[in-house]
PDB file of all heavy atoms in Angstrom:
ATOM      1  N   PHE A   1     -10.292 -11.827  -6.617  1.00  0.00           N
ATOM      2  CA  PHE A   1      -9.368 -12.961  -6.588  1.00  0.00           C
ATOM      3  C   PHE A   1     -10.008 -14.152  -5.883  1.00  0.00           C
ATOM      4  O   PHE A   1     -10.768 -13.988  -4.934  1.00  0.00           O
ATOM      5  CB  PHE A   1      -8.087 -12.589  -5.840  1.00  0.00           C
ATOM      6  CG  PHE A   1      -7.300 -11.479  -6.465  1.00  0.00           C
ATOM      7  CD1 PHE A   1      -7.590 -10.155  -6.163  1.00  0.00           C
ATOM      8  CD2 PHE A   1      -6.279 -11.755  -7.365  1.00  0.00           C
ATOM      9  CE1 PHE A   1      -6.872  -9.119  -6.739  1.00  0.00           C
ATOM     10  CE2 PHE A   1      -5.550 -10.729  -7.944  1.00  0.00           C
ATOM     11  CZ  PHE A   1      -5.852  -9.408  -7.632  1.00  0.00           C
ATOM     12  N   GLU A   2      -9.690 -15.342  -6.370  1.00  0.00           N
ATOM     13  CA  GLU A   2     -10.067 -16.566  -5.661  1.00  0.00           C
ATOM     14  C   GLU A   2      -8.927 -17.026  -4.767  1.00  0.00           C
ATOM     15  O   GLU A   2      -9.156 -17.627  -3.719  1.00  0.00           O
ATOM     16  CB  GLU A   2     -10.436 -17.663  -6.663  1.00  0.00           C
ATOM     17  CG  GLU A   2     -11.706 -17.367  -7.469  1.00  0.00           C
ATOM     18  CD  GLU A   2     -12.077 -18.516  -8.381  1.00  0.00           C
ATOM     19  OE1 GLU A   2     -11.401 -19.573  -8.321  1.00  0.00           O
ATOM     20  OE2 GLU A   2     -13.056 -18.367  -9.152  1.00  0.00           O
ATOM     21  N   ASP A   3      -7.704 -16.740  -5.177  1.00  0.00           N
ATOM     22  CA  ASP A   3      -6.512 -17.120  -4.420  1.00  0.00           C
ATOM     23  C   ASP A   3      -6.093 -15.960  -3.520  1.00  0.00           C
ATOM     24  O   ASP A   3      -5.748 -14.884  -4.004  1.00  0.00           O
ATOM     25  CB  ASP A   3      -5.386 -17.470  -5.389  1.00  0.00           C
ATOM     26  CG  ASP A   3      -4.148 -18.026  -4.700  1.00  0.00           C
ATOM     27  OD1 ASP A   3      -3.802 -17.539  -3.610  1.00  0.00           O
ATOM     28  OD2 ASP A   3      -3.511 -18.939  -5.263  1.00  0.00           O
ATOM     29  N   LYS A   4      -6.138 -16.158  -2.208  1.00  0.00           N
ATOM     30  CA  LYS A   4      -5.807 -15.102  -1.253  1.00  0.00           C
ATOM     31  C   LYS A   4      -4.344 -14.689  -1.325  1.00  0.00           C
ATOM     32  O   LYS A   4      -4.003 -13.529  -1.062  1.00  0.00           O
ATOM     33  CB  LYS A   4      -6.170 -15.540   0.165  1.00  0.00           C
ATOM     34  CG  LYS A   4      -7.657 -15.676   0.415  1.00  0.00           C
ATOM     35  CD  LYS A   4      -8.365 -14.333   0.231  1.00  0.00           C
ATOM     36  CE  LYS A   4      -9.864 -14.442   0.506  1.00  0.00           C
ATOM     37  NZ  LYS A   4     -10.545 -13.134   0.287  1.00  0.00           N
ATOM     38  N   TYR A   5      -3.465 -15.599  -1.667  1.00  0.00           N
ATOM     39  CA  TYR A   5      -2.045 -15.248  -1.780  1.00  0.00           C
ATOM     40  C   TYR A   5      -1.795 -14.391  -3.024  1.00  0.00           C
ATOM     41  O   TYR A   5      -0.963 -13.480  -3.002  1.00  0.00           O
ATOM     42  CB  TYR A   5      -1.190 -16.514  -1.805  1.00  0.00           C
ATOM     43  CG  TYR A   5      -1.102 -17.187  -0.458  1.00  0.00           C
ATOM     44  CD1 TYR A   5      -1.993 -18.200  -0.111  1.00  0.00           C
ATOM     45  CD2 TYR A   5      -0.150 -16.796   0.485  1.00  0.00           C
ATOM     46  CE1 TYR A   5      -1.942 -18.808   1.130  1.00  0.00           C
ATOM     47  CE2 TYR A   5      -0.073 -17.393   1.724  1.00  0.00           C
ATOM     48  CZ  TYR A   5      -0.971 -18.396   2.051  1.00  0.00           C
ATOM     49  OH  TYR A   5      -0.916 -18.993   3.304  1.00  0.00           O
ATOM     50  N   GLU A   6      -2.523 -14.685  -4.069  1.00  0.00           N
ATOM     51  CA  GLU A   6      -2.430 -13.860  -5.280  1.00  0.00           C
ATOM     52  C   GLU A   6      -2.983 -12.465  -4.989  1.00  0.00           C
ATOM     53  O   GLU A   6      -2.420 -11.452  -5.428  1.00  0.00           O
ATOM     54  CB  GLU A   6      -3.213 -14.512  -6.420  1.00  0.00           C
ATOM     55  CG  GLU A   6      -3.118 -13.757  -7.744  1.00  0.00           C
ATOM     56  CD  GLU A   6      -3.930 -14.413  -8.845  1.00  0.00           C
ATOM     57  OE1 GLU A   6      -4.398 -15.557  -8.648  1.00  0.00           O
ATOM     58  OE2 GLU A   6      -4.101 -13.775  -9.907  1.00  0.00           O
ATOM     59  N   GLU A   7      -4.068 -12.420  -4.229  1.00  0.00           N
ATOM     60  CA  GLU A   7      -4.651 -11.133  -3.841  1.00  0.00           C
ATOM     61  C   GLU A   7      -3.668 -10.337  -2.983  1.00  0.00           C
ATOM     62  O   GLU A   7      -3.507  -9.130  -3.156  1.00  0.00           O
ATOM     63  CB  GLU A   7      -5.954 -11.346  -3.077  1.00  0.00           C
ATOM     64  CG  GLU A   7      -6.627 -10.052  -2.648  1.00  0.00           C
ATOM     65  CD  GLU A   7      -7.921 -10.276  -1.888  1.00  0.00           C
ATOM     66  OE1 GLU A   7      -8.323 -11.448  -1.719  1.00  0.00           O
ATOM     67  OE2 GLU A   7      -8.522  -9.275  -1.466  1.00  0.00           O
ATOM     68  N   ARG A   8      -2.995 -11.010  -2.076  1.00  0.00           N
ATOM     69  CA  ARG A   8      -2.015 -10.347  -1.217  1.00  0.00           C
ATOM     70  C   ARG A   8      -0.926  -9.687  -2.053  1.00  0.00           C
ATOM     71  O   ARG A   8      -0.583  -8.518  -1.826  1.00  0.00           O
ATOM     72  CB  ARG A   8      -1.391 -11.342  -0.230  1.00  0.00           C
ATOM     73  CG  ARG A   8      -0.223 -10.759   0.547  1.00  0.00           C
ATOM     74  CD  ARG A   8       0.593 -11.842   1.220  1.00  0.00           C
ATOM     75  NE  ARG A   8       0.028 -12.203   2.521  1.00  0.00           N
ATOM     76  CZ  ARG A   8       0.535 -13.161   3.301  1.00  0.00           C
ATOM     77  NH1 ARG A   8       1.596 -13.864   2.887  1.00  0.00           N
ATOM     78  NH2 ARG A   8      -0.004 -13.441   4.470  1.00  0.00           N
ATOM     79  N   ASP A   9      -0.389 -10.413  -3.016  1.00  0.00           N
ATOM     80  CA  ASP A   9       0.687  -9.869  -3.858  1.00  0.00           C
ATOM     81  C   ASP A   9       0.203  -8.636  -4.624  1.00  0.00           C
ATOM     82  O   ASP A   9       0.922  -7.635  -4.721  1.00  0.00           O
ATOM     83  CB  ASP A   9       1.185 -10.930  -4.839  1.00  0.00           C
ATOM     84  CG  ASP A   9       1.984 -12.030  -4.155  1.00  0.00           C
ATOM     85  OD1 ASP A   9       2.448 -11.804  -3.013  1.00  0.00           O
ATOM     86  OD2 ASP A   9       2.145 -13.114  -4.755  1.00  0.00           O
ATOM     87  N   TYR A  10      -0.996  -8.731  -5.169  1.00  0.00           N
ATOM     88  CA  TYR A  10      -1.543  -7.598  -5.930  1.00  0.00           C
ATOM     89  C   TYR A  10      -1.761  -6.387  -5.032  1.00  0.00           C
ATOM     90  O   TYR A  10      -1.373  -5.258  -5.372  1.00  0.00           O
ATOM     91  CB  TYR A  10      -2.858  -8.012  -6.591  1.00  0.00           C
ATOM     92  CG  TYR A  10      -3.571  -6.869  -7.282  1.00  0.00           C
ATOM     93  CD1 TYR A  10      -3.165  -6.442  -8.551  1.00  0.00           C
ATOM     94  CD2 TYR A  10      -4.642  -6.226  -6.664  1.00  0.00           C
ATOM     95  CE1 TYR A  10      -3.817  -5.383  -9.188  1.00  0.00           C
ATOM     96  CE2 TYR A  10      -5.290  -5.169  -7.291  1.00  0.00           C
ATOM     97  CZ  TYR A  10      -4.877  -4.753  -8.543  1.00  0.00           C
ATOM     98  OH  TYR A  10      -5.522  -3.702  -9.168  1.00  0.00           O
ATOM     99  N   GLN A  11      -2.383  -6.606  -3.868  1.00  0.00           N
ATOM    100  CA  GLN A  11      -2.699  -5.499  -2.974  1.00  0.00           C
ATOM    101  C   GLN A  11      -1.440  -4.851  -2.397  1.00  0.00           C
ATOM    102  O   GLN A  11      -1.403  -3.636  -2.181  1.00  0.00           O
ATOM    103  CB  GLN A  11      -3.619  -5.978  -1.844  1.00  0.00           C
ATOM    104  CG  GLN A  11      -4.985  -6.454  -2.288  1.00  0.00           C
ATOM    105  CD  GLN A  11      -5.850  -5.349  -2.887  1.00  0.00           C
ATOM    106  OE1 GLN A  11      -5.471  -4.187  -2.962  1.00  0.00           O
ATOM    107  NE2 GLN A  11      -7.048  -5.717  -3.332  1.00  0.00           N
ATOM    108  N   LYS A  12      -0.402  -5.637  -2.173  1.00  0.00           N
ATOM    109  CA  LYS A  12       0.857  -5.051  -1.707  1.00  0.00           C
ATOM    110  C   LYS A  12       1.428  -4.114  -2.767  1.00  0.00           C
ATOM    111  O   LYS A  12       2.000  -3.056  -2.440  1.00  0.00           O
ATOM    112  CB  LYS A  12       1.856  -6.152  -1.360  1.00  0.00           C
ATOM    113  CG  LYS A  12       1.560  -6.892  -0.063  1.00  0.00           C
ATOM    114  CD  LYS A  12       2.535  -8.041   0.158  1.00  0.00           C
ATOM    115  CE  LYS A  12       3.966  -7.574   0.340  1.00  0.00           C
ATOM    116  NZ  LYS A  12       4.899  -8.701   0.534  1.00  0.00           N
ATOM    117  N   GLY A  13       1.279  -4.472  -4.024  1.00  0.00           N
ATOM    118  CA  GLY A  13       1.708  -3.594  -5.098  1.00  0.00           C
ATOM    119  C   GLY A  13       0.911  -2.300  -5.107  1.00  0.00           C
ATOM    120  O   GLY A  13       1.465  -1.205  -5.301  1.00  0.00           O
ATOM    121  N   ARG A  14      -0.390  -2.405  -4.867  1.00  0.00           N
ATOM    122  CA  ARG A  14      -1.232  -1.208  -4.824  1.00  0.00           C
ATOM    123  C   ARG A  14      -0.851  -0.326  -3.635  1.00  0.00           C
ATOM    124  O   ARG A  14      -0.861   0.905  -3.727  1.00  0.00           O
ATOM    125  CB  ARG A  14      -2.708  -1.599  -4.732  1.00  0.00           C
ATOM    126  CG  ARG A  14      -3.219  -2.483  -5.843  1.00  0.00           C
ATOM    127  CD  ARG A  14      -3.050  -1.865  -7.211  1.00  0.00           C
ATOM    128  NE  ARG A  14      -4.105  -0.921  -7.535  1.00  0.00           N
ATOM    129  CZ  ARG A  14      -4.158  -0.236  -8.681  1.00  0.00           C
ATOM    130  NH1 ARG A  14      -3.208  -0.402  -9.592  1.00  0.00           N
ATOM    131  NH2 ARG A  14      -5.147   0.606  -8.927  1.00  0.00           N
ATOM    132  N   LEU A  15      -0.501  -0.955  -2.521  1.00  0.00           N
ATOM    133  CA  LEU A  15      -0.099  -0.187  -1.340  1.00  0.00           C
ATOM    134  C   LEU A  15       1.212   0.552  -1.598  1.00  0.00           C
ATOM    135  O   LEU A  15       1.378   1.707  -1.189  1.00  0.00           O
ATOM    136  CB  LEU A  15       0.031  -1.111  -0.127  1.00  0.00           C
ATOM    137  CG  LEU A  15       0.316  -0.434   1.217  1.00  0.00           C
ATOM    138  CD1 LEU A  15      -0.750   0.603   1.558  1.00  0.00           C
ATOM    139  CD2 LEU A  15       0.399  -1.486   2.335  1.00  0.00           C
ATOM    140  N   ALA A  16       2.145  -0.106  -2.276  1.00  0.00           N
ATOM    141  CA  ALA A  16       3.399   0.565  -2.630  1.00  0.00           C
ATOM    142  C   ALA A  16       3.121   1.778  -3.522  1.00  0.00           C
ATOM    143  O   ALA A  16       3.721   2.849  -3.344  1.00  0.00           O
ATOM    144  CB  ALA A  16       4.333  -0.414  -3.337  1.00  0.00           C
ATOM    145  N   LEU A  17       2.198   1.633  -4.478  1.00  0.00           N
ATOM    146  CA  LEU A  17       1.813   2.760  -5.323  1.00  0.00           C
ATOM    147  C   LEU A  17       1.184   3.871  -4.496  1.00  0.00           C
ATOM    148  O   LEU A  17       1.405   5.062  -4.762  1.00  0.00           O
ATOM    149  CB  LEU A  17       0.835   2.306  -6.406  1.00  0.00           C
ATOM    150  CG  LEU A  17       1.384   1.422  -7.523  1.00  0.00           C
ATOM    151  CD1 LEU A  17       0.254   0.969  -8.440  1.00  0.00           C
ATOM    152  CD2 LEU A  17       2.451   2.157  -8.324  1.00  0.00           C
ATOM    153  N   ALA A  18       0.393   3.493  -3.491  1.00  0.00           N
ATOM    154  CA  ALA A  18      -0.254   4.488  -2.639  1.00  0.00           C
ATOM    155  C   ALA A  18       0.776   5.378  -1.942  1.00  0.00           C
ATOM    156  O   ALA A  18       0.608   6.603  -1.867  1.00  0.00           O
ATOM    157  CB  ALA A  18      -1.143   3.797  -1.606  1.00  0.00           C
ATOM    158  N   PHE A  19       1.847   4.776  -1.440  1.00  0.00           N
ATOM    159  CA  PHE A  19       2.885   5.571  -0.780  1.00  0.00           C
ATOM    160  C   PHE A  19       3.584   6.498  -1.766  1.00  0.00           C
ATOM    161  O   PHE A  19       3.908   7.647  -1.434  1.00  0.00           O
ATOM    162  CB  PHE A  19       3.899   4.648  -0.097  1.00  0.00           C
ATOM    163  CG  PHE A  19       3.419   4.106   1.209  1.00  0.00           C
ATOM    164  CD1 PHE A  19       3.045   2.778   1.329  1.00  0.00           C
ATOM    165  CD2 PHE A  19       3.319   4.925   2.320  1.00  0.00           C
ATOM    166  CE1 PHE A  19       2.583   2.273   2.539  1.00  0.00           C
ATOM    167  CE2 PHE A  19       2.852   4.432   3.533  1.00  0.00           C
ATOM    168  CZ  PHE A  19       2.489   3.102   3.647  1.00  0.00           C
ATOM    169  N   ARG A  20       3.794   6.029  -2.965  1.00  0.00           N
ATOM    170  CA  ARG A  20       4.441   6.874  -3.971  1.00  0.00           C
ATOM    171  C   ARG A  20       3.524   8.025  -4.379  1.00  0.00           C
ATOM    172  O   ARG A  20       3.983   9.138  -4.649  1.00  0.00           O
ATOM    173  CB  ARG A  20       4.850   6.029  -5.176  1.00  0.00           C
ATOM    174  CG  ARG A  20       5.932   5.004  -4.836  1.00  0.00           C
ATOM    175  CD  ARG A  20       6.451   4.283  -6.064  1.00  0.00           C
ATOM    176  NE  ARG A  20       7.488   3.309  -5.708  1.00  0.00           N
ATOM    177  CZ  ARG A  20       8.488   2.962  -6.513  1.00  0.00           C
ATOM    178  NH1 ARG A  20       8.589   3.510  -7.717  1.00  0.00           N
ATOM    179  NH2 ARG A  20       9.384   2.066  -6.135  1.00  0.00           N
ATOM    180  N   ILE A  21       2.222   7.758  -4.411  1.00  0.00           N
ATOM    181  CA  ILE A  21       1.247   8.820  -4.686  1.00  0.00           C
ATOM    182  C   ILE A  21       1.276   9.858  -3.570  1.00  0.00           C
ATOM    183  O   ILE A  21       1.308  11.071  -3.819  1.00  0.00           O
ATOM    184  CB  ILE A  21      -0.167   8.228  -4.844  1.00  0.00           C
ATOM    185  CG1 ILE A  21      -0.269   7.436  -6.156  1.00  0.00           C
ATOM    186  CG2 ILE A  21      -1.227   9.328  -4.809  1.00  0.00           C
ATOM    187  CD1 ILE A  21      -1.516   6.578  -6.269  1.00  0.00           C
ATOM    188  N   PHE A  22       1.274   9.407  -2.322  1.00  0.00           N
ATOM    189  CA  PHE A  22       1.334  10.326  -1.184  1.00  0.00           C
ATOM    190  C   PHE A  22       2.596  11.185  -1.262  1.00  0.00           C
ATOM    191  O   PHE A  22       2.563  12.383  -0.993  1.00  0.00           O
ATOM    192  CB  PHE A  22       1.289   9.550   0.128  1.00  0.00           C
ATOM    193  CG  PHE A  22      -0.101   9.401   0.707  1.00  0.00           C
ATOM    194  CD1 PHE A  22      -1.185   9.173  -0.119  1.00  0.00           C
ATOM    195  CD2 PHE A  22      -0.321   9.474   2.072  1.00  0.00           C
ATOM    196  CE1 PHE A  22      -2.467   9.039   0.403  1.00  0.00           C
ATOM    197  CE2 PHE A  22      -1.588   9.352   2.605  1.00  0.00           C
ATOM    198  CZ  PHE A  22      -2.677   9.136   1.772  1.00  0.00           C
ATOM    199  N   ALA A  23       3.719  10.566  -1.614  1.00  0.00           N
ATOM    200  CA  ALA A  23       4.967  11.311  -1.717  1.00  0.00           C
ATOM    201  C   ALA A  23       4.878  12.353  -2.827  1.00  0.00           C
ATOM    202  O   ALA A  23       5.326  13.498  -2.667  1.00  0.00           O
ATOM    203  CB  ALA A  23       6.126  10.357  -1.970  1.00  0.00           C
ATOM    204  N   LYS A  24       4.292  11.977  -3.958  1.00  0.00           N
ATOM    205  CA  LYS A  24       4.173  12.890  -5.091  1.00  0.00           C
ATOM    206  C   LYS A  24       3.332  14.104  -4.732  1.00  0.00           C
ATOM    207  O   LYS A  24       3.603  15.223  -5.196  1.00  0.00           O
ATOM    208  CB  LYS A  24       3.570  12.153  -6.288  1.00  0.00           C
ATOM    209  CG  LYS A  24       3.495  12.988  -7.557  1.00  0.00           C
ATOM    210  CD  LYS A  24       2.998  12.165  -8.722  1.00  0.00           C
ATOM    211  CE  LYS A  24       2.948  12.998 -10.007  1.00  0.00           C
ATOM    212  NZ  LYS A  24       2.492  12.190 -11.170  1.00  0.00           N
ATOM    213  N   PHE A  25       2.314  13.905  -3.902  1.00  0.00           N
ATOM    214  CA  PHE A  25       1.444  15.005  -3.493  1.00  0.00           C
ATOM    215  C   PHE A  25       1.994  15.776  -2.289  1.00  0.00           C
ATOM    216  O   PHE A  25       1.357  16.701  -1.808  1.00  0.00           O
ATOM    217  CB  PHE A  25       0.036  14.481  -3.185  1.00  0.00           C
ATOM    218  CG  PHE A  25      -0.812  14.262  -4.412  1.00  0.00           C
ATOM    219  CD1 PHE A  25      -0.726  13.078  -5.126  1.00  0.00           C
ATOM    220  CD2 PHE A  25      -1.682  15.239  -4.870  1.00  0.00           C
ATOM    221  CE1 PHE A  25      -1.501  12.872  -6.262  1.00  0.00           C
ATOM    222  CE2 PHE A  25      -2.456  15.047  -6.002  1.00  0.00           C
ATOM    223  CZ  PHE A  25      -2.363  13.855  -6.703  1.00  0.00           C
ATOM    224  N   GLY A  26       3.155  15.362  -1.806  1.00  0.00           N
ATOM    225  CA  GLY A  26       3.772  16.072  -0.696  1.00  0.00           C
ATOM    226  C   GLY A  26       3.173  15.768   0.661  1.00  0.00           C
ATOM    227  O   GLY A  26       3.260  16.582   1.588  1.00  0.00           O
ATOM    228  N   PHE A  27       2.580  14.592   0.813  1.00  0.00           N
ATOM    229  CA  PHE A  27       1.962  14.224   2.079  1.00  0.00           C
ATOM    230  C   PHE A  27       2.961  13.636   3.073  1.00  0.00           C
ATOM    231  O   PHE A  27       2.610  13.375   4.228  1.00  0.00           O
ATOM    232  CB  PHE A  27       0.829  13.219   1.863  1.00  0.00           C
ATOM    233  CG  PHE A  27      -0.314  13.738   1.022  1.00  0.00           C
ATOM    234  CD1 PHE A  27      -1.174  12.853   0.383  1.00  0.00           C
ATOM    235  CD2 PHE A  27      -0.531  15.095   0.878  1.00  0.00           C
ATOM    236  CE1 PHE A  27      -2.238  13.317  -0.383  1.00  0.00           C
ATOM    237  CE2 PHE A  27      -1.585  15.577   0.112  1.00  0.00           C
ATOM    238  CZ  PHE A  27      -2.445  14.684  -0.527  1.00  0.00           C
ATOM    239  N   ASP A  28       4.199  13.390   2.618  1.00  0.00           N
ATOM    240  CA  ASP A  28       5.204  12.852   3.538  1.00  0.00           C
ATOM    241  C   ASP A  28       5.817  13.996   4.352  1.00  0.00           C
ATOM    242  O   ASP A  28       5.941  15.122   3.872  1.00  0.00           O
ATOM    243  CB  ASP A  28       6.295  12.087   2.779  1.00  0.00           C
ATOM    244  CG  ASP A  28       6.846  12.868   1.594  1.00  0.00           C
ATOM    245  OD1 ASP A  28       6.215  13.852   1.164  1.00  0.00           O
ATOM    246  OD2 ASP A  28       7.922  12.492   1.091  1.00  0.00           O
ATOM    247  N   GLU A  29       6.170  13.706   5.566  1.00  0.00           N
ATOM    248  CA  GLU A  29       6.778  14.677   6.478  1.00  0.00           C
ATOM    249  C   GLU A  29       7.811  13.935   7.311  1.00  0.00           C
ATOM    250  O   GLU A  29       7.489  13.349   8.356  1.00  0.00           O
ATOM    251  CB  GLU A  29       5.718  15.317   7.377  1.00  0.00           C
ATOM    252  CG  GLU A  29       6.236  16.302   8.409  1.00  0.00           C
ATOM    253  CD  GLU A  29       6.609  17.665   7.802  1.00  0.00           C
ATOM    254  OE1 GLU A  29       6.269  17.892   6.629  1.00  0.00           O
ATOM    255  OE2 GLU A  29       7.216  18.481   8.503  1.00  0.00           O
ATOM    256  N   GLY A  30       9.043  13.889   6.827  1.00  0.00           N
ATOM    257  CA  GLY A  30      10.058  13.113   7.527  1.00  0.00           C
ATOM    258  C   GLY A  30       9.692  11.641   7.541  1.00  0.00           C
ATOM    259  O   GLY A  30       9.464  11.035   6.500  1.00  0.00           O
ATOM    260  N   VAL A  31       9.588  11.074   8.737  1.00  0.00           N
ATOM    261  CA  VAL A  31       9.219   9.660   8.870  1.00  0.00           C
ATOM    262  C   VAL A  31       7.775   9.494   9.337  1.00  0.00           C
ATOM    263  O   VAL A  31       7.337   8.386   9.635  1.00  0.00           O
ATOM    264  CB  VAL A  31      10.169   8.930   9.845  1.00  0.00           C
ATOM    265  CG1 VAL A  31      11.590   8.937   9.323  1.00  0.00           C
ATOM    266  CG2 VAL A  31      10.111   9.562  11.247  1.00  0.00           C
ATOM    267  N   ALA A  32       7.021  10.599   9.414  1.00  0.00           N
ATOM    268  CA  ALA A  32       5.638  10.540   9.906  1.00  0.00           C
ATOM    269  C   ALA A  32       4.696  10.058   8.815  1.00  0.00           C
ATOM    270  O   ALA A  32       4.934  10.270   7.623  1.00  0.00           O
ATOM    271  CB  ALA A  32       5.203  11.909  10.409  1.00  0.00           C
ATOM    272  N   GLY A  33       3.618   9.411   9.219  1.00  0.00           N
ATOM    273  CA  GLY A  33       2.579   8.981   8.306  1.00  0.00           C
ATOM    274  C   GLY A  33       2.630   7.494   8.002  1.00  0.00           C
ATOM    275  O   GLY A  33       3.706   6.887   8.008  1.00  0.00           O
ATOM    276  N   HIS A  34       1.457   6.948   7.727  1.00  0.00           N
ATOM    277  CA  HIS A  34       1.367   5.507   7.470  1.00  0.00           C
ATOM    278  C   HIS A  34       0.062   5.160   6.759  1.00  0.00           C
ATOM    279  O   HIS A  34      -0.962   5.809   6.955  1.00  0.00           O
ATOM    280  CB  HIS A  34       1.460   4.701   8.777  1.00  0.00           C
ATOM    281  CG  HIS A  34       1.340   5.539  10.016  1.00  0.00           C
ATOM    282  ND1 HIS A  34       0.139   5.896  10.575  1.00  0.00           N
ATOM    283  CD2 HIS A  34       2.302   6.107  10.783  1.00  0.00           C
ATOM    284  CE1 HIS A  34       0.336   6.643  11.654  1.00  0.00           C
ATOM    285  NE2 HIS A  34       1.635   6.805  11.801  1.00  0.00           N
ATOM    286  N   ILE A  35       0.130   4.154   5.920  1.00  0.00           N
ATOM    287  CA  ILE A  35      -1.051   3.582   5.272  1.00  0.00           C
ATOM    288  C   ILE A  35      -0.992   2.078   5.523  1.00  0.00           C
ATOM    289  O   ILE A  35       0.065   1.464   5.338  1.00  0.00           O
ATOM    290  CB  ILE A  35      -1.067   3.838   3.752  1.00  0.00           C
ATOM    291  CG1 ILE A  35      -0.786   5.301   3.436  1.00  0.00           C
ATOM    292  CG2 ILE A  35      -2.414   3.425   3.154  1.00  0.00           C
ATOM    293  CD1 ILE A  35      -0.621   5.578   1.935  1.00  0.00           C
ATOM    294  N   THR A  36      -2.100   1.508   5.950  1.00  0.00           N
ATOM    295  CA  THR A  36      -2.107   0.083   6.256  1.00  0.00           C
ATOM    296  C   THR A  36      -3.111  -0.671   5.392  1.00  0.00           C
ATOM    297  O   THR A  36      -4.148  -0.135   5.002  1.00  0.00           O
ATOM    298  CB  THR A  36      -2.449  -0.178   7.743  1.00  0.00           C
ATOM    299  OG1 THR A  36      -3.657   0.522   8.082  1.00  0.00           O
ATOM    300  CG2 THR A  36      -1.314   0.287   8.636  1.00  0.00           C
ATOM    301  N   LEU A  37      -2.779  -1.916   5.126  1.00  0.00           N
ATOM    302  CA  LEU A  37      -3.622  -2.826   4.345  1.00  0.00           C
ATOM    303  C   LEU A  37      -3.908  -4.073   5.166  1.00  0.00           C
ATOM    304  O   LEU A  37      -2.990  -4.742   5.628  1.00  0.00           O
ATOM    305  CB  LEU A  37      -2.905  -3.220   3.055  1.00  0.00           C
ATOM    306  CG  LEU A  37      -3.443  -4.449   2.311  1.00  0.00           C
ATOM    307  CD1 LEU A  37      -4.800  -4.137   1.686  1.00  0.00           C
ATOM    308  CD2 LEU A  37      -2.459  -4.923   1.247  1.00  0.00           C
ATOM    309  N   ARG A  38      -5.186  -4.382   5.345  1.00  0.00           N
ATOM    310  CA  ARG A  38      -5.553  -5.628   6.011  1.00  0.00           C
ATOM    311  C   ARG A  38      -5.076  -6.799   5.151  1.00  0.00           C
ATOM    312  O   ARG A  38      -5.339  -6.840   3.945  1.00  0.00           O
ATOM    313  CB  ARG A  38      -7.068  -5.705   6.215  1.00  0.00           C
ATOM    314  CG  ARG A  38      -7.511  -6.903   7.068  1.00  0.00           C
ATOM    315  CD  ARG A  38      -9.017  -7.016   7.112  1.00  0.00           C
ATOM    316  NE  ARG A  38      -9.658  -5.859   7.725  1.00  0.00           N
ATOM    317  CZ  ARG A  38      -9.811  -5.689   9.028  1.00  0.00           C
ATOM    318  NH1 ARG A  38      -9.350  -6.602   9.869  1.00  0.00           N
ATOM    319  NH2 ARG A  38     -10.412  -4.606   9.498  1.00  0.00           N
ATOM    320  N   ASP A  39      -4.381  -7.749   5.763  1.00  0.00           N
ATOM    321  CA  ASP A  39      -3.833  -8.874   5.010  1.00  0.00           C
ATOM    322  C   ASP A  39      -4.956  -9.806   4.563  1.00  0.00           C
ATOM    323  O   ASP A  39      -5.751 -10.267   5.390  1.00  0.00           O
ATOM    324  CB  ASP A  39      -2.827  -9.641   5.867  1.00  0.00           C
ATOM    325  CG  ASP A  39      -2.186 -10.790   5.112  1.00  0.00           C
ATOM    326  OD1 ASP A  39      -1.786 -10.578   3.943  1.00  0.00           O
ATOM    327  OD2 ASP A  39      -2.097 -11.899   5.666  1.00  0.00           O
ATOM    328  N   PRO A  40      -5.061 -10.103   3.262  1.00  0.00           N
ATOM    329  CA  PRO A  40      -6.117 -11.009   2.786  1.00  0.00           C
ATOM    330  C   PRO A  40      -5.986 -12.425   3.344  1.00  0.00           C
ATOM    331  O   PRO A  40      -6.996 -13.128   3.493  1.00  0.00           O
ATOM    332  CB  PRO A  40      -5.918 -10.999   1.263  1.00  0.00           C
ATOM    333  CG  PRO A  40      -5.195  -9.725   0.973  1.00  0.00           C
ATOM    334  CD  PRO A  40      -4.286  -9.525   2.150  1.00  0.00           C
ATOM    335  N   VAL A  41      -4.758 -12.853   3.642  1.00  0.00           N
ATOM    336  CA  VAL A  41      -4.528 -14.219   4.129  1.00  0.00           C
ATOM    337  C   VAL A  41      -4.820 -14.319   5.623  1.00  0.00           C
ATOM    338  O   VAL A  41      -5.496 -15.258   6.079  1.00  0.00           O
ATOM    339  CB  VAL A  41      -3.076 -14.661   3.828  1.00  0.00           C
ATOM    340  CG1 VAL A  41      -2.825 -16.075   4.371  1.00  0.00           C
ATOM    341  CG2 VAL A  41      -2.799 -14.600   2.335  1.00  0.00           C
TER     342      VAL A  41
END
């Protein structure tokens, strides 16, 4: 991406998918666990 705000929107979508993938694989345990994304902006 050339636009950092556009990159942010895209990467946030990928992060949301990451959590759903973790849930599908059974990696969630109550409220424990976290995945973080460095903000492009």
